[in-house]
Amino acid sequence: MSSNWSFLTMSFLYGACLGAFFFLGLHFTVTKGLRSRHSALWFFGSLMLRSAVVIGGFVLVAQRDPRWLVPSLLGFVLAREVTLRATSRCSVYREHPHAS
């Protein structure tokens, strides 16, 4: 029983790390992309990289045990909320209101 809880906890933390990578990467892309002359390249390249890493990470979790996807996805969503709150006061969003 203890082993299951540790794997579920690790799965949750793994999802949180994937979410942090995805959403902090998105924040980085927005801050750089809005100031770049090649913003489309920033946004497209970032989307491809972030999506590949996150999808690959969830596939690894699902291969181990598909039931572990639920805590991983919960961790991912929690990371979104934490990142959203942490970056909501960023000046780039005040300078470009269409970016929020």
N, C-alpha and C. Protein backbone atom coordinates (compact mmCIF):
# COMPACT_ATOMS: atom_id res chain seq x y z
N MET A 1 0.82 -1.19 0.00
CA MET A 1 0.00 0.00 0.00
C MET A 1 0.87 1.26 0.00
N SER A 2 1.89 1.25 0.81
CA SER A 2 2.80 2.40 0.88
C SER A 2 3.48 2.64 -0.46
N SER A 3 3.78 1.57 -1.14
CA SER A 3 4.45 1.68 -2.45
C SER A 3 3.54 2.38 -3.45
N ASN A 4 2.24 2.06 -3.42
CA ASN A 4 1.32 2.71 -4.34
C ASN A 4 1.25 4.21 -4.08
N TRP A 5 1.22 4.61 -2.80
CA TRP A 5 1.17 6.03 -2.49
C TRP A 5 2.43 6.75 -2.94
N SER A 6 3.55 6.10 -2.80
CA SER A 6 4.79 6.76 -3.23
C SER A 6 4.82 6.92 -4.76
N PHE A 7 4.32 5.91 -5.48
CA PHE A 7 4.27 6.03 -6.94
C PHE A 7 3.25 7.09 -7.37
N LEU A 8 2.12 7.16 -6.66
CA LEU A 8 1.13 8.18 -6.99
C LEU A 8 1.67 9.57 -6.70
N THR A 9 2.38 9.71 -5.60
CA THR A 9 3.00 11.00 -5.27
C THR A 9 4.05 11.38 -6.30
N MET A 10 4.87 10.43 -6.68
CA MET A 10 5.89 10.70 -7.70
C MET A 10 5.24 11.04 -9.04
N SER A 11 4.14 10.37 -9.35
CA SER A 11 3.42 10.67 -10.59
C SER A 11 2.87 12.09 -10.56
N PHE A 12 2.31 12.51 -9.42
CA PHE A 12 1.81 13.87 -9.27
C PHE A 12 2.93 14.89 -9.43
N LEU A 13 4.05 14.64 -8.79
CA LEU A 13 5.19 15.56 -8.88
C LEU A 13 5.76 15.59 -10.30
N TYR A 14 5.76 14.44 -10.96
CA TYR A 14 6.23 14.38 -12.34
C TYR A 14 5.33 15.23 -13.24
N GLY A 15 4.01 15.13 -13.04
CA GLY A 15 3.08 15.96 -13.80
C GLY A 15 3.25 17.43 -13.50
N ALA A 16 3.53 17.75 -12.23
CA ALA A 16 3.76 19.15 -11.85
C ALA A 16 5.02 19.68 -12.54
N CYS A 17 6.04 18.86 -12.63
CA CYS A 17 7.27 19.28 -13.32
C CYS A 17 7.01 19.49 -14.81
N LEU A 18 6.24 18.59 -15.41
CA LEU A 18 5.89 18.77 -16.82
C LEU A 18 5.08 20.05 -17.02
N GLY A 19 4.15 20.30 -16.11
CA GLY A 19 3.35 21.52 -16.20
C GLY A 19 4.20 22.76 -16.02
N ALA A 20 5.12 22.72 -15.07
CA ALA A 20 6.00 23.87 -14.86
C ALA A 20 6.84 24.12 -16.10
N PHE A 21 7.37 23.05 -16.70
CA PHE A 21 8.15 23.20 -17.92
C PHE A 21 7.29 23.83 -19.02
N PHE A 22 6.07 23.32 -19.19
CA PHE A 22 5.21 23.79 -20.26
C PHE A 22 4.80 25.25 -20.07
N PHE A 23 4.30 25.58 -18.89
CA PHE A 23 3.75 26.92 -18.69
C PHE A 23 4.81 27.97 -18.44
N LEU A 24 5.91 27.62 -17.79
CA LEU A 24 7.01 28.59 -17.69
C LEU A 24 7.67 28.79 -19.05
N GLY A 25 7.72 27.73 -19.85
CA GLY A 25 8.20 27.87 -21.22
C GLY A 25 7.30 28.77 -22.04
N LEU A 26 6.00 28.66 -21.82
CA LEU A 26 5.05 29.53 -22.50
C LEU A 26 5.26 30.98 -22.07
N HIS A 27 5.44 31.19 -20.78
CA HIS A 27 5.69 32.55 -20.28
C HIS A 27 6.98 33.12 -20.89
N PHE A 28 8.03 32.31 -20.93
CA PHE A 28 9.29 32.74 -21.52
C PHE A 28 9.09 33.10 -22.99
N THR A 29 8.33 32.26 -23.71
CA THR A 29 8.09 32.50 -25.13
C THR A 29 7.33 33.79 -25.36
N VAL A 30 6.32 34.04 -24.53
CA VAL A 30 5.54 35.27 -24.70
C VAL A 30 6.42 36.49 -24.45
N THR A 31 7.23 36.44 -23.39
CA THR A 31 8.07 37.61 -23.10
C THR A 31 9.10 37.85 -24.19
N LYS A 32 9.68 36.78 -24.72
CA LYS A 32 10.66 36.95 -25.80
C LYS A 32 9.99 37.20 -27.14
N GLY A 33 8.90 36.50 -27.40
CA GLY A 33 8.24 36.60 -28.70
C GLY A 33 7.63 37.95 -28.97
N LEU A 34 7.12 38.60 -27.95
CA LEU A 34 6.51 39.91 -28.16
C LEU A 34 7.54 40.98 -28.48
N ARG A 35 8.77 40.74 -28.12
CA ARG A 35 9.84 41.72 -28.37
C ARG A 35 10.73 41.33 -29.54
N SER A 36 10.45 40.22 -30.16
CA SER A 36 11.31 39.71 -31.23
C SER A 36 10.78 40.12 -32.59
N ARG A 37 11.70 40.22 -33.53
CA ARG A 37 11.31 40.48 -34.92
C ARG A 37 10.77 39.21 -35.57
N HIS A 38 11.11 38.06 -35.00
CA HIS A 38 10.68 36.76 -35.55
C HIS A 38 9.77 36.05 -34.55
N SER A 39 8.69 36.72 -34.18
CA SER A 39 7.83 36.18 -33.13
C SER A 39 7.15 34.88 -33.54
N ALA A 40 6.80 34.74 -34.81
CA ALA A 40 6.15 33.51 -35.25
C ALA A 40 7.08 32.31 -35.06
N LEU A 41 8.35 32.49 -35.31
CA LEU A 41 9.31 31.42 -35.11
C LEU A 41 9.43 31.06 -33.63
N TRP A 42 9.44 32.06 -32.77
CA TRP A 42 9.48 31.82 -31.32
C TRP A 42 8.26 31.00 -30.88
N PHE A 43 7.08 31.45 -31.29
CA PHE A 43 5.86 30.79 -30.83
C PHE A 43 5.73 29.39 -31.40
N PHE A 44 6.02 29.20 -32.67
CA PHE A 44 5.89 27.88 -33.28
C PHE A 44 6.93 26.91 -32.72
N GLY A 45 8.17 27.35 -32.66
CA GLY A 45 9.23 26.49 -32.13
C GLY A 45 8.99 26.11 -30.68
N SER A 46 8.55 27.06 -29.89
CA SER A 46 8.26 26.79 -28.49
C SER A 46 7.10 25.81 -28.34
N LEU A 47 6.06 26.00 -29.14
CA LEU A 47 4.92 25.10 -29.08
C LEU A 47 5.33 23.67 -29.41
N MET A 48 6.13 23.52 -30.44
CA MET A 48 6.57 22.17 -30.83
C MET A 48 7.43 21.52 -29.75
N LEU A 49 8.38 22.27 -29.20
CA LEU A 49 9.25 21.73 -28.16
C LEU A 49 8.47 21.39 -26.90
N ARG A 50 7.66 22.34 -26.43
CA ARG A 50 6.91 22.10 -25.20
C ARG A 50 5.93 20.94 -25.36
N SER A 51 5.25 20.88 -26.50
CA SER A 51 4.29 19.80 -26.72
C SER A 51 4.98 18.45 -26.80
N ALA A 52 6.10 18.38 -27.48
CA ALA A 52 6.83 17.11 -27.60
C ALA A 52 7.28 16.60 -26.23
N VAL A 53 7.81 17.49 -25.41
CA VAL A 53 8.29 17.08 -24.09
C VAL A 53 7.14 16.62 -23.22
N VAL A 54 6.05 17.37 -23.20
CA VAL A 54 4.92 17.03 -22.34
C VAL A 54 4.22 15.76 -22.81
N ILE A 55 3.98 15.64 -24.09
CA ILE A 55 3.33 14.42 -24.60
C ILE A 55 4.22 13.21 -24.34
N GLY A 56 5.51 13.36 -24.59
CA GLY A 56 6.44 12.27 -24.31
C GLY A 56 6.44 11.89 -22.84
N GLY A 57 6.38 12.88 -21.98
CA GLY A 57 6.34 12.61 -20.54
C GLY A 57 5.09 11.87 -20.13
N PHE A 58 3.94 12.27 -20.66
CA PHE A 58 2.70 11.57 -20.31
C PHE A 58 2.66 10.17 -20.91
N VAL A 59 3.26 9.99 -22.05
CA VAL A 59 3.34 8.64 -22.64
C VAL A 59 4.18 7.73 -21.74
N LEU A 60 5.28 8.25 -21.22
CA LEU A 60 6.10 7.45 -20.30
C LEU A 60 5.32 7.05 -19.05
N VAL A 61 4.53 7.96 -18.52
CA VAL A 61 3.71 7.65 -17.34
C VAL A 61 2.68 6.59 -17.70
N ALA A 62 2.02 6.75 -18.85
CA ALA A 62 0.97 5.82 -19.25
C ALA A 62 1.52 4.43 -19.54
N GLN A 63 2.74 4.34 -20.02
CA GLN A 63 3.33 3.03 -20.27
C GLN A 63 3.58 2.27 -18.98
N ARG A 64 3.91 2.98 -17.94
CA ARG A 64 4.17 2.35 -16.65
C ARG A 64 2.86 1.82 -16.05
N ASP A 65 1.87 2.69 -15.94
CA ASP A 65 0.56 2.31 -15.43
C ASP A 65 -0.42 3.42 -15.81
N PRO A 66 -1.40 3.12 -16.65
CA PRO A 66 -2.33 4.16 -17.11
C PRO A 66 -3.08 4.87 -15.98
N ARG A 67 -3.25 4.21 -14.84
CA ARG A 67 -3.94 4.85 -13.72
C ARG A 67 -3.13 6.01 -13.15
N TRP A 68 -1.85 6.05 -13.41
CA TRP A 68 -1.00 7.12 -12.90
C TRP A 68 -1.13 8.40 -13.71
N LEU A 69 -1.88 8.33 -14.81
CA LEU A 69 -2.10 9.55 -15.59
C LEU A 69 -2.94 10.56 -14.83
N VAL A 70 -3.87 10.08 -14.02
CA VAL A 70 -4.75 11.00 -13.29
C VAL A 70 -3.96 11.90 -12.35
N PRO A 71 -3.12 11.35 -11.45
CA PRO A 71 -2.34 12.27 -10.61
C PRO A 71 -1.35 13.12 -11.40
N SER A 72 -0.84 12.59 -12.50
CA SER A 72 0.06 13.38 -13.34
C SER A 72 -0.66 14.58 -13.95
N LEU A 73 -1.85 14.35 -14.44
CA LEU A 73 -2.63 15.44 -15.01
C LEU A 73 -3.05 16.45 -13.94
N LEU A 74 -3.35 15.97 -12.75
CA LEU A 74 -3.66 16.89 -11.65
C LEU A 74 -2.45 17.77 -11.32
N GLY A 75 -1.27 17.17 -11.30
CA GLY A 75 -0.06 17.94 -11.07
C GLY A 75 0.18 18.95 -12.17
N PHE A 76 -0.11 18.56 -13.40
CA PHE A 76 0.05 19.45 -14.55
C PHE A 76 -0.87 20.66 -14.41
N VAL A 77 -2.14 20.41 -14.05
CA VAL A 77 -3.11 21.50 -13.90
C VAL A 77 -2.73 22.40 -12.72
N LEU A 78 -2.27 21.80 -11.64
CA LEU A 78 -1.84 22.60 -10.49
C LEU A 78 -0.67 23.50 -10.87
N ALA A 79 0.25 22.98 -11.66
CA ALA A 79 1.39 23.79 -12.11
C ALA A 79 0.91 24.95 -12.97
N ARG A 80 -0.14 24.73 -13.74
CA ARG A 80 -0.71 25.83 -14.54
C ARG A 80 -1.21 26.93 -13.63
N GLU A 81 -1.95 26.56 -12.60
CA GLU A 81 -2.49 27.55 -11.68
C GLU A 81 -1.39 28.31 -10.95
N VAL A 82 -0.38 27.60 -10.49
CA VAL A 82 0.73 28.23 -9.78
C VAL A 82 1.48 29.17 -10.71
N THR A 83 1.75 28.73 -11.92
CA THR A 83 2.46 29.57 -12.89
C THR A 83 1.63 30.80 -13.26
N LEU A 84 0.34 30.61 -13.44
CA LEU A 84 -0.54 31.73 -13.78
C LEU A 84 -0.53 32.78 -12.68
N ARG A 85 -0.59 32.36 -11.44
CA ARG A 85 -0.57 33.31 -10.33
C ARG A 85 0.81 33.97 -10.19
N ALA A 86 1.85 33.21 -10.41
CA ALA A 86 3.21 33.75 -10.24
C ALA A 86 3.56 34.76 -11.33
N THR A 87 3.02 34.58 -12.52
CA THR A 87 3.40 35.45 -13.64
C THR A 87 2.34 36.49 -13.98
N SER A 88 1.24 36.53 -13.23
CA SER A 88 0.15 37.45 -13.59
C SER A 88 0.54 38.91 -13.40
N ARG A 89 1.53 39.19 -12.60
CA ARG A 89 1.95 40.57 -12.37
C ARG A 89 3.14 40.96 -13.25
N CYS A 90 3.42 40.17 -14.25
CA CYS A 90 4.55 40.45 -15.14
C CYS A 90 4.27 41.67 -16.00
N SER A 91 5.25 42.50 -16.18
CA SER A 91 5.07 43.76 -16.90
C SER A 91 4.76 43.55 -18.38
N VAL A 92 5.19 42.46 -18.97
CA VAL A 92 4.96 42.26 -20.40
C VAL A 92 3.47 42.16 -20.69
N TYR A 93 2.68 41.67 -19.75
CA TYR A 93 1.24 41.56 -19.96
C TYR A 93 0.55 42.91 -19.81
N ARG A 94 1.12 43.80 -19.05
CA ARG A 94 0.56 45.15 -18.93
C ARG A 94 0.91 45.98 -20.17
N GLU A 95 2.08 45.75 -20.74
CA GLU A 95 2.50 46.49 -21.92
C GLU A 95 1.73 46.06 -23.16
N HIS A 96 1.34 44.80 -23.22
CA HIS A 96 0.64 44.23 -24.37
C HIS A 96 -0.64 43.58 -23.88
N PRO A 97 -1.73 44.33 -23.71
CA PRO A 97 -2.93 43.76 -23.14
C PRO A 97 -3.55 42.66 -24.01
N HIS A 98 -3.26 42.64 -25.29
CA HIS A 98 -3.80 41.58 -26.14
C HIS A 98 -3.13 40.25 -25.87
N ALA A 99 -2.03 40.22 -25.13
CA ALA A 99 -1.29 38.99 -24.86
C ALA A 99 -1.89 38.20 -23.72
N SER A 100 -2.78 38.76 -22.94
CA SER A 100 -3.32 38.02 -21.79
C SER A 100 -4.55 37.22 -22.12
